[in-house]
């Protein structure tokens, strides 16, 4: 996940990419752990939107910083 994150920030920085969000269902503990271990900080609970998304979700995000700070969680 780190390689993809770094690639996306480098390739799309000129287009204004400053944040990447990772979304998953709130009851998916494994996805939460992967997101956090990959530097995507928990940002908020996203309300359910039935019928497509019947359960609340989690939004994790990571921001692009300048070259001295590189990339870090929000």
N, C-alpha and C. Protein backbone atom coordinates (compact mmCIF):
# COMPACT_ATOMS: atom_id res chain seq x y z
N UNK A 1 0.82 -1.18 0.00
CA UNK A 1 0.00 0.00 0.00
C UNK A 1 0.87 1.26 0.00
N UNK A 2 2.01 1.20 0.66
CA UNK A 2 2.91 2.36 0.71
C UNK A 2 3.37 2.75 -0.69
N UNK A 3 3.76 1.77 -1.48
CA UNK A 3 4.24 2.08 -2.84
C UNK A 3 3.15 2.74 -3.67
N UNK A 4 1.94 2.27 -3.58
CA UNK A 4 0.83 2.86 -4.33
C UNK A 4 0.54 4.28 -3.84
N UNK A 5 0.59 4.50 -2.54
CA UNK A 5 0.35 5.82 -1.98
C UNK A 5 1.41 6.82 -2.47
N UNK A 6 2.66 6.43 -2.36
CA UNK A 6 3.75 7.31 -2.80
C UNK A 6 3.62 7.60 -4.29
N UNK A 7 3.34 6.57 -5.07
CA UNK A 7 3.17 6.75 -6.52
C UNK A 7 2.04 7.72 -6.82
N UNK A 8 0.90 7.55 -6.19
CA UNK A 8 -0.26 8.42 -6.45
C UNK A 8 0.06 9.87 -6.11
N UNK A 9 0.70 10.10 -4.96
CA UNK A 9 1.04 11.48 -4.60
C UNK A 9 2.04 12.09 -5.58
N UNK A 10 3.01 11.31 -6.01
CA UNK A 10 4.02 11.84 -6.94
C UNK A 10 3.42 12.10 -8.32
N UNK A 11 2.61 11.19 -8.82
CA UNK A 11 2.07 11.31 -10.17
C UNK A 11 0.99 12.38 -10.26
N UNK A 12 0.15 12.48 -9.22
CA UNK A 12 -1.00 13.38 -9.30
C UNK A 12 -0.83 14.67 -8.51
N UNK A 13 0.34 14.94 -7.97
CA UNK A 13 0.57 16.18 -7.21
C UNK A 13 0.32 17.41 -8.08
N UNK A 14 0.76 17.36 -9.31
CA UNK A 14 0.57 18.51 -10.21
C UNK A 14 -0.91 18.77 -10.50
N UNK A 15 -1.73 17.74 -10.35
CA UNK A 15 -3.18 17.89 -10.56
C UNK A 15 -3.90 18.33 -9.29
N UNK A 16 -3.14 18.52 -8.21
CA UNK A 16 -3.74 19.01 -6.97
C UNK A 16 -4.07 17.96 -5.93
N UNK A 17 -3.60 16.73 -6.11
CA UNK A 17 -3.88 15.69 -5.12
C UNK A 17 -3.15 16.00 -3.82
N UNK A 18 -3.90 16.18 -2.75
CA UNK A 18 -3.29 16.46 -1.45
C UNK A 18 -3.74 15.48 -0.37
N UNK A 19 -4.76 14.67 -0.67
CA UNK A 19 -5.25 13.71 0.32
C UNK A 19 -5.80 12.48 -0.38
N UNK A 20 -5.55 11.32 0.22
CA UNK A 20 -6.13 10.07 -0.26
C UNK A 20 -6.98 9.50 0.87
N UNK A 21 -8.22 9.17 0.56
CA UNK A 21 -9.13 8.57 1.53
C UNK A 21 -9.24 7.07 1.28
N UNK A 22 -9.34 6.33 2.36
CA UNK A 22 -9.56 4.90 2.30
C UNK A 22 -10.85 4.64 3.07
N UNK A 23 -11.83 4.01 2.42
CA UNK A 23 -13.13 3.74 3.03
C UNK A 23 -13.35 2.24 3.18
N UNK A 24 -13.99 1.85 4.28
CA UNK A 24 -14.36 0.45 4.47
C UNK A 24 -15.55 0.39 5.42
N UNK A 25 -16.23 -0.75 5.44
CA UNK A 25 -17.36 -0.92 6.35
C UNK A 25 -16.86 -0.92 7.80
N UNK A 26 -17.64 -0.33 8.67
CA UNK A 26 -17.23 -0.15 10.05
C UNK A 26 -16.99 -1.42 10.83
N UNK A 27 -17.61 -2.52 10.41
CA UNK A 27 -17.41 -3.77 11.15
C UNK A 27 -16.24 -4.60 10.62
N UNK A 28 -15.46 -4.04 9.74
CA UNK A 28 -14.32 -4.74 9.14
C UNK A 28 -13.03 -4.37 9.88
N UNK A 29 -12.79 -5.04 11.01
CA UNK A 29 -11.64 -4.73 11.85
C UNK A 29 -10.31 -4.93 11.14
N UNK A 30 -10.24 -5.93 10.28
CA UNK A 30 -8.98 -6.19 9.56
C UNK A 30 -8.63 -5.01 8.65
N UNK A 31 -9.61 -4.45 7.97
CA UNK A 31 -9.35 -3.30 7.10
C UNK A 31 -8.90 -2.09 7.91
N UNK A 32 -9.45 -1.94 9.10
CA UNK A 32 -9.03 -0.85 9.98
C UNK A 32 -7.55 -0.99 10.34
N UNK A 33 -7.15 -2.20 10.69
CA UNK A 33 -5.76 -2.44 11.06
C UNK A 33 -4.83 -2.18 9.88
N UNK A 34 -5.20 -2.65 8.71
CA UNK A 34 -4.37 -2.44 7.52
C UNK A 34 -4.23 -0.94 7.23
N UNK A 35 -5.34 -0.22 7.29
CA UNK A 35 -5.31 1.22 7.02
C UNK A 35 -4.37 1.93 7.99
N UNK A 36 -4.52 1.65 9.27
CA UNK A 36 -3.70 2.33 10.27
C UNK A 36 -2.22 1.95 10.16
N UNK A 37 -1.95 0.69 9.90
CA UNK A 37 -0.55 0.26 9.74
C UNK A 37 0.08 0.84 8.48
N UNK A 38 -0.76 1.25 7.53
CA UNK A 38 -0.28 1.84 6.28
C UNK A 38 -0.19 3.36 6.36
N UNK A 39 -0.43 3.91 7.54
CA UNK A 39 -0.30 5.35 7.72
C UNK A 39 -1.56 6.15 7.43
N UNK A 40 -2.68 5.46 7.25
CA UNK A 40 -3.95 6.14 7.01
C UNK A 40 -4.67 6.27 8.35
N UNK A 41 -4.71 7.47 8.89
CA UNK A 41 -5.32 7.70 10.20
C UNK A 41 -6.84 7.67 10.10
N UNK A 42 -7.48 7.16 11.15
CA UNK A 42 -8.93 7.17 11.21
C UNK A 42 -9.39 8.62 11.25
N UNK A 43 -10.35 8.97 10.39
CA UNK A 43 -10.83 10.35 10.32
C UNK A 43 -12.26 10.50 10.82
N UNK A 44 -13.14 9.57 10.44
CA UNK A 44 -14.53 9.70 10.84
C UNK A 44 -15.33 8.45 10.53
N UNK A 45 -16.50 8.38 11.17
CA UNK A 45 -17.48 7.35 10.83
C UNK A 45 -18.37 7.93 9.74
N UNK A 46 -18.55 7.18 8.67
CA UNK A 46 -19.40 7.60 7.55
C UNK A 46 -20.74 6.90 7.70
N UNK A 47 -21.84 7.66 7.74
CA UNK A 47 -23.15 7.04 7.92
C UNK A 47 -23.52 6.08 6.80
N UNK A 48 -24.30 5.09 7.14
CA UNK A 48 -24.80 4.13 6.15
C UNK A 48 -25.64 4.86 5.10
N UNK A 49 -25.67 4.28 3.89
CA UNK A 49 -26.45 4.85 2.79
C UNK A 49 -27.12 3.70 2.05
N UNK A 50 -28.15 3.13 2.68
CA UNK A 50 -28.84 1.98 2.08
C UNK A 50 -29.49 2.36 0.75
N UNK A 51 -29.67 1.46 -0.17
CA UNK A 51 -29.36 0.04 -0.07
C UNK A 51 -27.93 -0.31 -0.46
N UNK A 52 -27.21 0.60 -1.11
CA UNK A 52 -25.85 0.27 -1.57
C UNK A 52 -24.88 0.03 -0.42
N UNK A 53 -24.97 0.86 0.61
CA UNK A 53 -24.07 0.76 1.76
C UNK A 53 -24.92 0.66 3.03
N UNK A 54 -25.31 -0.56 3.40
CA UNK A 54 -26.27 -0.73 4.51
C UNK A 54 -25.67 -0.48 5.89
N UNK A 55 -24.35 -0.50 6.03
CA UNK A 55 -23.71 -0.32 7.33
C UNK A 55 -22.90 0.97 7.37
N UNK A 56 -22.72 1.51 8.57
CA UNK A 56 -21.81 2.65 8.72
C UNK A 56 -20.42 2.23 8.27
N UNK A 57 -19.64 3.19 7.84
CA UNK A 57 -18.28 2.91 7.39
C UNK A 57 -17.27 3.75 8.14
N UNK A 58 -16.02 3.52 7.84
CA UNK A 58 -14.93 4.31 8.38
C UNK A 58 -14.20 4.98 7.23
N UNK A 59 -13.78 6.22 7.47
CA UNK A 59 -12.92 6.92 6.51
C UNK A 59 -11.57 7.13 7.18
N UNK A 60 -10.54 6.65 6.52
CA UNK A 60 -9.16 6.88 6.95
C UNK A 60 -8.54 7.77 5.87
N UNK A 61 -7.58 8.60 6.24
CA UNK A 61 -6.98 9.44 5.21
C UNK A 61 -5.49 9.67 5.47
N UNK A 62 -4.86 10.07 4.41
CA UNK A 62 -3.44 10.38 4.45
C UNK A 62 -3.22 11.61 3.59
N UNK A 63 -2.47 12.58 4.10
CA UNK A 63 -2.22 13.82 3.37
C UNK A 63 -0.82 13.85 2.79
N UNK A 64 -0.70 14.55 1.66
CA UNK A 64 0.62 14.79 1.06
C UNK A 64 1.19 16.04 1.70
N UNK A 65 2.43 15.95 2.11
CA UNK A 65 3.10 17.10 2.70
C UNK A 65 4.22 17.56 1.77
N UNK A 66 4.91 18.62 2.17
CA UNK A 66 6.03 19.06 1.34
C UNK A 66 7.16 18.03 1.44
N UNK A 67 8.21 18.24 0.69
CA UNK A 67 9.26 17.22 0.60
C UNK A 67 10.03 17.04 1.91
N UNK A 68 10.01 18.02 2.80
CA UNK A 68 10.73 17.85 4.06
C UNK A 68 9.98 16.93 5.01
N UNK A 69 8.65 16.90 4.90
CA UNK A 69 7.85 16.06 5.78
C UNK A 69 7.42 14.76 5.12
N UNK A 70 7.55 14.67 3.80
CA UNK A 70 7.09 13.54 3.01
C UNK A 70 5.60 13.31 3.23
N UNK A 71 5.21 12.10 3.57
CA UNK A 71 3.80 11.76 3.70
C UNK A 71 3.52 11.34 5.13
N UNK A 72 2.38 11.73 5.66
CA UNK A 72 2.02 11.35 7.02
C UNK A 72 0.51 11.23 7.13
N UNK A 73 0.02 10.56 8.19
CA UNK A 73 -1.43 10.49 8.39
C UNK A 73 -1.99 11.88 8.67
N UNK A 74 -3.27 12.05 8.43
CA UNK A 74 -3.94 13.33 8.70
C UNK A 74 -4.01 13.58 10.18
